[in-house]
Every structure is written in structure tokens, then in C-alpha cells.
């Protein structure tokens, strides 16, 4: 089987990280970012069945791969990546973070290119 990275990921940067993301066909995400000042960074995942609906916090204990909460400690200007399991999430998600700069990469495409 031939693997193709571009067919298996979808990347969102900057302000899109707190906007609505259609995750259809993707089972996981990496939320990466930096902060200007060292300290704790929080990531809250919200989901909804519709793009314009009311988004609620996802409370799955295994949402963050390896368990734990969506809070990590970052040094100033350190790149931090947080792995998120989206299997139990609805189609539309939002990632609300305290990163100063952030990117979201959806991965684990349900349909693999051949």
C-alpha cells in the first residue's frame, strides 16, 4: 500500500484554530503552538453536530492521548504539541486555546489513499 501524507492530513493555522473545523473523515488531531511567556497553556475541545449549532465542551477522559487534562506547561517560545483523539467527537469541532500562535493538524484519515 502506498502512503501519501497530503492525503492523510488537513492543516489549519492561526485564527482557524478557534473557528469551526469540519473533522469528517479524520479521527485525531495535533494542536501545536507557542506562547510568548512561560506558563500553563489550556486546550478546550468543543463539538457540535452542525456547523452553526451550540458547541459544548467534550468531557471524554481519553480525549487527550495518554489521558490527563488539556493543560500543559510551556516555556517561552517553546513549540508544544498536544495529541487529541477525536473518535468520540461530533463532526464539527473547535479548539479553544491560550496559545499565542497555534496550528491544528487533523490526521488518521478514515479513508487512506492507494
C-alpha atoms as a PDB file:
ATOM      1  CA  UNK A   1       0.000   0.000   0.000  1.00  0.00           C
ATOM      2  CA  UNK A   2       1.297   3.399  -0.912  1.00  0.00           C
ATOM      3  CA  UNK A   3       1.095   6.088   1.796  1.00  0.00           C
ATOM      4  CA  UNK A   4       0.659   9.748   0.980  1.00  0.00           C
ATOM      5  CA  UNK A   5       0.969  12.338   3.739  1.00  0.00           C
ATOM      6  CA  UNK A   6      -1.004  15.074   1.916  1.00  0.00           C
ATOM      7  CA  UNK A   7      -3.981  12.734   1.593  1.00  0.00           C
ATOM      8  CA  UNK A   8      -3.916  11.830   5.269  1.00  0.00           C
ATOM      9  CA  UNK A   9      -3.773  15.228   6.994  1.00  0.00           C
ATOM     10  CA  UNK A  10      -5.533  18.590   6.931  1.00  0.00           C
ATOM     11  CA  UNK A  11      -3.791  21.673   8.394  1.00  0.00           C
ATOM     12  CA  UNK A  12      -5.337  24.809   9.916  1.00  0.00           C
ATOM     13  CA  UNK A  13      -3.284  27.769  11.169  1.00  0.00           C
ATOM     14  CA  UNK A  14      -3.646  30.911  13.270  1.00  0.00           C
ATOM     15  CA  UNK A  15      -7.220  32.155  13.739  1.00  0.00           C
ATOM     16  CA  UNK A  16      -8.721  28.965  12.301  1.00  0.00           C
ATOM     17  CA  UNK A  17      -7.678  27.188  15.498  1.00  0.00           C
ATOM     18  CA  UNK A  18     -10.599  28.768  17.361  1.00  0.00           C
ATOM     19  CA  UNK A  19     -13.022  28.616  14.447  1.00  0.00           C
ATOM     20  CA  UNK A  20     -15.212  25.723  13.417  1.00  0.00           C
ATOM     21  CA  UNK A  21     -13.398  22.768  11.864  1.00  0.00           C
ATOM     22  CA  UNK A  22     -15.188  20.056   9.896  1.00  0.00           C
ATOM     23  CA  UNK A  23     -13.359  16.913  11.003  1.00  0.00           C
ATOM     24  CA  UNK A  24     -15.321  14.500   8.814  1.00  0.00           C
ATOM     25  CA  UNK A  25     -13.053  11.630   7.806  1.00  0.00           C
ATOM     26  CA  UNK A  26     -10.379  12.364  10.436  1.00  0.00           C
ATOM     27  CA  UNK A  27     -10.001  10.528  13.742  1.00  0.00           C
ATOM     28  CA  UNK A  28      -7.342  12.560  15.548  1.00  0.00           C
ATOM     29  CA  UNK A  29      -5.649  15.937  15.730  1.00  0.00           C
ATOM     30  CA  UNK A  30      -2.440  17.554  16.888  1.00  0.00           C
ATOM     31  CA  UNK A  31      -2.811  21.027  18.383  1.00  0.00           C
ATOM     32  CA  UNK A  32       0.545  22.773  18.291  1.00  0.00           C
ATOM     33  CA  UNK A  33       1.516  26.206  19.390  1.00  0.00           C
ATOM     34  CA  UNK A  34       3.800  28.589  21.217  1.00  0.00           C
ATOM     35  CA  UNK A  35       3.432  31.181  23.958  1.00  0.00           C
ATOM     36  CA  UNK A  36       5.394  34.386  24.405  1.00  0.00           C
ATOM     37  CA  UNK A  37       5.599  33.964  28.196  1.00  0.00           C
ATOM     38  CA  UNK A  38       6.255  30.674  30.030  1.00  0.00           C
ATOM     39  CA  UNK A  39       3.320  29.143  31.881  1.00  0.00           C
ATOM     40  CA  UNK A  40       0.353  26.840  31.614  1.00  0.00           C
ATOM     41  CA  UNK A  41      -1.492  26.506  28.318  1.00  0.00           C
ATOM     42  CA  UNK A  42      -5.035  25.174  28.193  1.00  0.00           C
ATOM     43  CA  UNK A  43      -6.820  23.492  25.323  1.00  0.00           C
ATOM     44  CA  UNK A  44     -10.571  23.009  25.382  1.00  0.00           C
ATOM     45  CA  UNK A  45     -12.217  20.908  22.685  1.00  0.00           C
ATOM     46  CA  UNK A  46     -15.838  21.704  21.834  1.00  0.00           C
ATOM     47  CA  UNK A  47     -18.076  19.795  19.432  1.00  0.00           C
ATOM     48  CA  UNK A  48     -21.446  20.020  17.710  1.00  0.00           C
ATOM     49  CA  UNK A  49     -23.481  18.112  15.122  1.00  0.00           C
ATOM     50  CA  UNK A  50     -23.914  21.223  12.977  1.00  0.00           C
ATOM     51  CA  UNK A  51     -21.551  23.997  11.909  1.00  0.00           C
ATOM     52  CA  UNK A  52     -23.790  26.762  13.265  1.00  0.00           C
ATOM     53  CA  UNK A  53     -25.133  24.985  16.340  1.00  0.00           C
ATOM     54  CA  UNK A  54     -24.330  25.283  20.023  1.00  0.00           C
ATOM     55  CA  UNK A  55     -20.907  23.867  20.834  1.00  0.00           C
ATOM     56  CA  UNK A  56     -20.362  22.033  24.135  1.00  0.00           C
ATOM     57  CA  UNK A  57     -17.128  21.052  25.875  1.00  0.00           C
ATOM     58  CA  UNK A  58     -16.028  17.478  25.177  1.00  0.00           C
ATOM     59  CA  UNK A  59     -15.599  15.670  28.510  1.00  0.00           C
ATOM     60  CA  UNK A  60     -14.108  12.343  27.364  1.00  0.00           C
ATOM     61  CA  UNK A  61     -11.421  11.091  29.818  1.00  0.00           C
ATOM     62  CA  UNK A  62      -9.320   9.862  26.866  1.00  0.00           C
ATOM     63  CA  UNK A  63      -9.728  12.936  24.683  1.00  0.00           C
ATOM     64  CA  UNK A  64      -6.096  13.873  25.231  1.00  0.00           C
ATOM     65  CA  UNK A  65      -3.972  10.913  24.169  1.00  0.00           C
ATOM     66  CA  UNK A  66      -2.260   9.431  27.192  1.00  0.00           C
ATOM     67  CA  UNK A  67      -5.039  10.703  29.469  1.00  0.00           C
ATOM     68  CA  UNK A  68      -4.986  13.829  31.539  1.00  0.00           C
ATOM     69  CA  UNK A  69      -6.381  17.275  31.033  1.00  0.00           C
ATOM     70  CA  UNK A  70      -5.874  19.790  28.295  1.00  0.00           C
ATOM     71  CA  UNK A  71      -3.383  21.789  30.356  1.00  0.00           C
ATOM     72  CA  UNK A  72       0.358  21.690  29.632  1.00  0.00           C
ATOM     73  CA  UNK A  73       3.259  23.788  30.847  1.00  0.00           C
ATOM     74  CA  UNK A  74       5.252  25.569  28.159  1.00  0.00           C
ATOM     75  CA  UNK A  75       8.475  27.540  28.236  1.00  0.00           C
ATOM     76  CA  UNK A  76       8.570  30.869  26.419  1.00  0.00           C
ATOM     77  CA  UNK A  77       8.734  30.341  22.639  1.00  0.00           C
ATOM     78  CA  UNK A  78       8.704  26.533  23.071  1.00  0.00           C
ATOM     79  CA  UNK A  79       6.743  24.574  20.464  1.00  0.00           C
ATOM     80  CA  UNK A  80       4.216  22.370  22.268  1.00  0.00           C
ATOM     81  CA  UNK A  81       2.204  19.630  20.549  1.00  0.00           C
ATOM     82  CA  UNK A  82      -0.855  18.041  22.152  1.00  0.00           C
ATOM     83  CA  UNK A  83      -2.349  14.873  20.657  1.00  0.00           C
ATOM     84  CA  UNK A  84      -6.150  14.710  20.637  1.00  0.00           C
ATOM     85  CA  UNK A  85      -8.310  11.615  19.982  1.00  0.00           C
ATOM     86  CA  UNK A  86     -11.406  12.766  18.088  1.00  0.00           C
ATOM     87  CA  UNK A  87     -13.079   9.363  17.678  1.00  0.00           C
ATOM     88  CA  UNK A  88     -15.857  10.165  20.168  1.00  0.00           C
ATOM     89  CA  UNK A  89     -16.389  13.723  18.928  1.00  0.00           C
ATOM     90  CA  UNK A  90     -19.163  15.009  16.716  1.00  0.00           C
ATOM     91  CA  UNK A  91     -18.495  16.162  13.143  1.00  0.00           C
ATOM     92  CA  UNK A  92     -17.714  19.831  13.905  1.00  0.00           C
ATOM     93  CA  UNK A  93     -15.087  20.774  16.482  1.00  0.00           C
ATOM     94  CA  UNK A  94     -13.488  23.904  17.892  1.00  0.00           C
ATOM     95  CA  UNK A  95     -10.152  24.091  19.675  1.00  0.00           C
ATOM     96  CA  UNK A  96     -10.090  26.959  22.152  1.00  0.00           C
ATOM     97  CA  UNK A  97      -6.535  27.536  23.419  1.00  0.00           C
ATOM     98  CA  UNK A  98      -4.406  30.028  25.260  1.00  0.00           C
ATOM     99  CA  UNK A  99      -1.543  29.603  22.787  1.00  0.00           C
ATOM    100  CA  UNK A 100      -0.311  32.891  21.294  1.00  0.00           C
ATOM    101  CA  UNK A 101       0.264  31.184  17.932  1.00  0.00           C
ATOM    102  CA  UNK A 102      -1.393  27.889  17.085  1.00  0.00           C
ATOM    103  CA  UNK A 103      -1.955  25.341  14.342  1.00  0.00           C
ATOM    104  CA  UNK A 104      -4.265  22.338  14.206  1.00  0.00           C
ATOM    105  CA  UNK A 105      -3.484  19.275  12.097  1.00  0.00           C
ATOM    106  CA  UNK A 106      -6.182  16.670  11.558  1.00  0.00           C
ATOM    107  CA  UNK A 107      -4.853  13.174  10.956  1.00  0.00           C
ATOM    108  CA  UNK A 108      -5.736   9.483  10.833  1.00  0.00           C
ATOM    109  CA  UNK A 109      -7.874   9.845   7.741  1.00  0.00           C
ATOM    110  CA  UNK A 110     -10.594   7.202   7.764  1.00  0.00           C
ATOM    111  CA  UNK A 111     -10.021   6.587   4.042  1.00  0.00           C
ATOM    112  CA  UNK A 112      -6.404   6.008   3.082  1.00  0.00           C
ATOM    113  CA  UNK A 113      -5.102   6.897  -0.387  1.00  0.00           C
ATOM    114  CA  UNK A 114      -3.988   3.950  -2.526  1.00  0.00           C
END
